C-alpha atoms as a PDB file:
ATOM      1  CA  UNK A   1       0.000   0.000   0.000  1.00  0.00           C
ATOM      2  CA  UNK A   2       1.320   3.421  -0.949  1.00  0.00           C
ATOM      3  CA  UNK A   3       0.107   6.615   0.688  1.00  0.00           C
ATOM      4  CA  UNK A   4       0.270  10.063  -0.858  1.00  0.00           C
ATOM      5  CA  UNK A   5      -0.398  12.892   1.553  1.00  0.00           C
ATOM      6  CA  UNK A   6      -0.916  16.534   0.741  1.00  0.00           C
ATOM      7  CA  UNK A   7      -2.280  19.746   2.187  1.00  0.00           C
ATOM      8  CA  UNK A   8       0.178  20.769   4.867  1.00  0.00           C
ATOM      9  CA  UNK A   9       1.423  24.317   5.185  1.00  0.00           C
ATOM     10  CA  UNK A  10       1.569  27.387   7.355  1.00  0.00           C
ATOM     11  CA  UNK A  11      -1.372  29.198   8.869  1.00  0.00           C
ATOM     12  CA  UNK A  12      -2.048  31.686  11.618  1.00  0.00           C
ATOM     13  CA  UNK A  13      -3.643  30.605  14.854  1.00  0.00           C
ATOM     14  CA  UNK A  14      -7.380  30.285  14.435  1.00  0.00           C
ATOM     15  CA  UNK A  15      -7.032  29.395  10.790  1.00  0.00           C
ATOM     16  CA  UNK A  16      -7.835  26.200   8.922  1.00  0.00           C
ATOM     17  CA  UNK A  17      -6.060  23.597   6.836  1.00  0.00           C
ATOM     18  CA  UNK A  18      -7.181  20.445   5.097  1.00  0.00           C
ATOM     19  CA  UNK A  19      -4.988  17.383   4.761  1.00  0.00           C
ATOM     20  CA  UNK A  20      -5.604  14.638   2.217  1.00  0.00           C
ATOM     21  CA  UNK A  21      -4.156  11.160   1.953  1.00  0.00           C
ATOM     22  CA  UNK A  22      -4.767   8.808  -0.944  1.00  0.00           C
ATOM     23  CA  UNK A  23      -4.043   5.099  -0.652  1.00  0.00           C
ATOM     24  CA  UNK A  24      -3.157   2.945  -3.622  1.00  0.00           C
ATOM     25  CA  UNK A  25      -2.011  -0.590  -4.219  1.00  0.00           C
ATOM     26  CA  UNK A  26      -3.381  -3.645  -2.432  1.00  0.00           C
ATOM     27  CA  UNK A  27      -6.334  -2.139  -0.575  1.00  0.00           C
ATOM     28  CA  UNK A  28      -8.086  -4.495   1.810  1.00  0.00           C
ATOM     29  CA  UNK A  29     -11.816  -4.506   2.558  1.00  0.00           C
ATOM     30  CA  UNK A  30     -11.377  -4.045   6.291  1.00  0.00           C
ATOM     31  CA  UNK A  31      -9.117  -1.113   7.014  1.00  0.00           C
ATOM     32  CA  UNK A  32      -8.653   2.046   8.975  1.00  0.00           C
ATOM     33  CA  UNK A  33      -7.043   5.254   7.815  1.00  0.00           C
ATOM     34  CA  UNK A  34      -5.968   8.123   9.935  1.00  0.00           C
ATOM     35  CA  UNK A  35      -3.504  10.759  10.921  1.00  0.00           C
ATOM     36  CA  UNK A  36      -0.814  10.845  13.535  1.00  0.00           C
ATOM     37  CA  UNK A  37       1.529  13.682  14.383  1.00  0.00           C
ATOM     38  CA  UNK A  38       4.990  13.937  15.809  1.00  0.00           C
ATOM     39  CA  UNK A  39       7.065  16.767  17.174  1.00  0.00           C
ATOM     40  CA  UNK A  40      10.873  16.546  17.274  1.00  0.00           C
ATOM     41  CA  UNK A  41      11.988  14.296  20.097  1.00  0.00           C
ATOM     42  CA  UNK A  42       8.432  13.234  20.864  1.00  0.00           C
ATOM     43  CA  UNK A  43       6.487  10.047  20.269  1.00  0.00           C
ATOM     44  CA  UNK A  44       4.109   9.885  17.358  1.00  0.00           C
ATOM     45  CA  UNK A  45       0.559  10.357  18.599  1.00  0.00           C
ATOM     46  CA  UNK A  46      -2.857   9.627  17.187  1.00  0.00           C
ATOM     47  CA  UNK A  47      -4.794  12.620  15.878  1.00  0.00           C
ATOM     48  CA  UNK A  48      -7.809  10.972  14.265  1.00  0.00           C
ATOM     49  CA  UNK A  49      -8.759   7.693  12.644  1.00  0.00           C
ATOM     50  CA  UNK A  50     -11.692   6.449  10.578  1.00  0.00           C
ATOM     51  CA  UNK A  51     -12.527   2.832   9.794  1.00  0.00           C
ATOM     52  CA  UNK A  52     -14.033   1.372   6.656  1.00  0.00           C
ATOM     53  CA  UNK A  53     -17.501   1.458   8.261  1.00  0.00           C
ATOM     54  CA  UNK A  54     -17.157   5.156   9.118  1.00  0.00           C
ATOM     55  CA  UNK A  55     -16.384   4.879  12.815  1.00  0.00           C
ATOM     56  CA  UNK A  56     -14.131   7.665  14.028  1.00  0.00           C
ATOM     57  CA  UNK A  57     -11.867   8.352  16.969  1.00  0.00           C
ATOM     58  CA  UNK A  58     -10.114  11.576  17.896  1.00  0.00           C
ATOM     59  CA  UNK A  59      -7.432  12.705  20.294  1.00  0.00           C
ATOM     60  CA  UNK A  60      -8.982  14.749  23.094  1.00  0.00           C
ATOM     61  CA  UNK A  61      -6.858  17.732  22.099  1.00  0.00           C
ATOM     62  CA  UNK A  62      -8.502  18.019  18.678  1.00  0.00           C
ATOM     63  CA  UNK A  63     -12.108  17.068  19.419  1.00  0.00           C
ATOM     64  CA  UNK A  64     -14.498  19.740  18.219  1.00  0.00           C
ATOM     65  CA  UNK A  65     -11.848  21.319  15.976  1.00  0.00           C
ATOM     66  CA  UNK A  66     -10.751  18.541  13.604  1.00  0.00           C
ATOM     67  CA  UNK A  67     -12.959  16.366  11.428  1.00  0.00           C
ATOM     68  CA  UNK A  68     -11.831  13.214   9.658  1.00  0.00           C
ATOM     69  CA  UNK A  69     -13.725  11.845   6.699  1.00  0.00           C
ATOM     70  CA  UNK A  70     -13.118   9.453   3.857  1.00  0.00           C
ATOM     71  CA  UNK A  71     -14.091   8.802   0.275  1.00  0.00           C
ATOM     72  CA  UNK A  72     -13.986   5.029   0.041  1.00  0.00           C
ATOM     73  CA  UNK A  73     -14.384   5.040  -3.727  1.00  0.00           C
ATOM     74  CA  UNK A  74     -11.144   7.035  -3.960  1.00  0.00           C
ATOM     75  CA  UNK A  75      -9.432   5.343  -0.991  1.00  0.00           C
ATOM     76  CA  UNK A  76      -8.796   8.821   0.318  1.00  0.00           C
ATOM     77  CA  UNK A  77      -9.019  10.218   3.820  1.00  0.00           C
ATOM     78  CA  UNK A  78      -9.326  13.889   4.701  1.00  0.00           C
ATOM     79  CA  UNK A  79      -8.566  15.822   7.860  1.00  0.00           C
ATOM     80  CA  UNK A  80     -10.296  19.157   8.165  1.00  0.00           C
ATOM     81  CA  UNK A  81      -8.478  21.192  10.803  1.00  0.00           C
ATOM     82  CA  UNK A  82     -10.208  24.292  12.132  1.00  0.00           C
ATOM     83  CA  UNK A  83      -9.358  26.773  14.860  1.00  0.00           C
ATOM     84  CA  UNK A  84      -5.741  25.702  14.687  1.00  0.00           C
ATOM     85  CA  UNK A  85      -3.584  26.358  17.717  1.00  0.00           C
ATOM     86  CA  UNK A  86       0.147  26.865  18.120  1.00  0.00           C
ATOM     87  CA  UNK A  87       0.406  23.437  19.714  1.00  0.00           C
ATOM     88  CA  UNK A  88      -0.952  21.815  16.558  1.00  0.00           C
ATOM     89  CA  UNK A  89       2.372  22.540  14.886  1.00  0.00           C
ATOM     90  CA  UNK A  90       3.844  19.161  14.010  1.00  0.00           C
ATOM     91  CA  UNK A  91       4.674  16.814  11.196  1.00  0.00           C
ATOM     92  CA  UNK A  92       1.498  14.922  10.306  1.00  0.00           C
ATOM     93  CA  UNK A  93       1.649  11.352   9.053  1.00  0.00           C
ATOM     94  CA  UNK A  94      -1.042   9.405   7.258  1.00  0.00           C
ATOM     95  CA  UNK A  95      -1.480   5.791   8.278  1.00  0.00           C
ATOM     96  CA  UNK A  96      -3.307   2.884   6.681  1.00  0.00           C
ATOM     97  CA  UNK A  97      -3.997  -0.244   8.726  1.00  0.00           C
ATOM     98  CA  UNK A  98      -5.188  -3.624   7.551  1.00  0.00           C
ATOM     99  CA  UNK A  99      -7.532  -4.449  10.415  1.00  0.00           C
ATOM    100  CA  UNK A 100      -7.415  -8.231  10.150  1.00  0.00           C
ATOM    101  CA  UNK A 101      -3.670  -8.604   9.604  1.00  0.00           C
ATOM    102  CA  UNK A 102      -2.804  -5.656  11.825  1.00  0.00           C
ATOM    103  CA  UNK A 103      -0.319  -4.355   9.271  1.00  0.00           C
ATOM    104  CA  UNK A 104       0.421  -0.627   9.196  1.00  0.00           C
ATOM    105  CA  UNK A 105       1.606   1.498   6.307  1.00  0.00           C
ATOM    106  CA  UNK A 106       2.831   5.063   6.702  1.00  0.00           C
ATOM    107  CA  UNK A 107       2.972   7.954   4.323  1.00  0.00           C
ATOM    108  CA  UNK A 108       5.629  10.609   4.261  1.00  0.00           C
ATOM    109  CA  UNK A 109       5.006  13.354   6.746  1.00  0.00           C
ATOM    110  CA  UNK A 110       3.560  16.712   5.881  1.00  0.00           C
ATOM    111  CA  UNK A 111       4.456  19.766   7.938  1.00  0.00           C
ATOM    112  CA  UNK A 112       1.748  21.842   9.606  1.00  0.00           C
ATOM    113  CA  UNK A 113       2.944  25.098  11.135  1.00  0.00           C
ATOM    114  CA  UNK A 114       0.680  27.366  13.156  1.00  0.00           C
ATOM    115  CA  UNK A 115       1.973  30.820  14.006  1.00  0.00           C
ATOM    116  CA  UNK A 116       0.678  33.619  16.198  1.00  0.00           C
END
């Protein structure tokens, strides 16, 4: 599975960005796609995830501000990020998981920078 992420960039606090991640290759029926983020020297943490049946899960820090969605026909997941805060500055990574096999695939990170 290959993942192509896009949409990162720089924005002022309170602004919005939208990340996209398209999966290609051997796509399995039962999967989850989502976003993690990682600051230098820190562990990668979950931001949001959505399963093939549409179930979602969010980190507490982004609930009410971020929305994850997917277009299953395009094998693409989106992360709408609103009311961005300085602490949202990180490298964001797209992840695809085969739910039955438990295999993870990662995309290249995309930088999100929020400034005051």
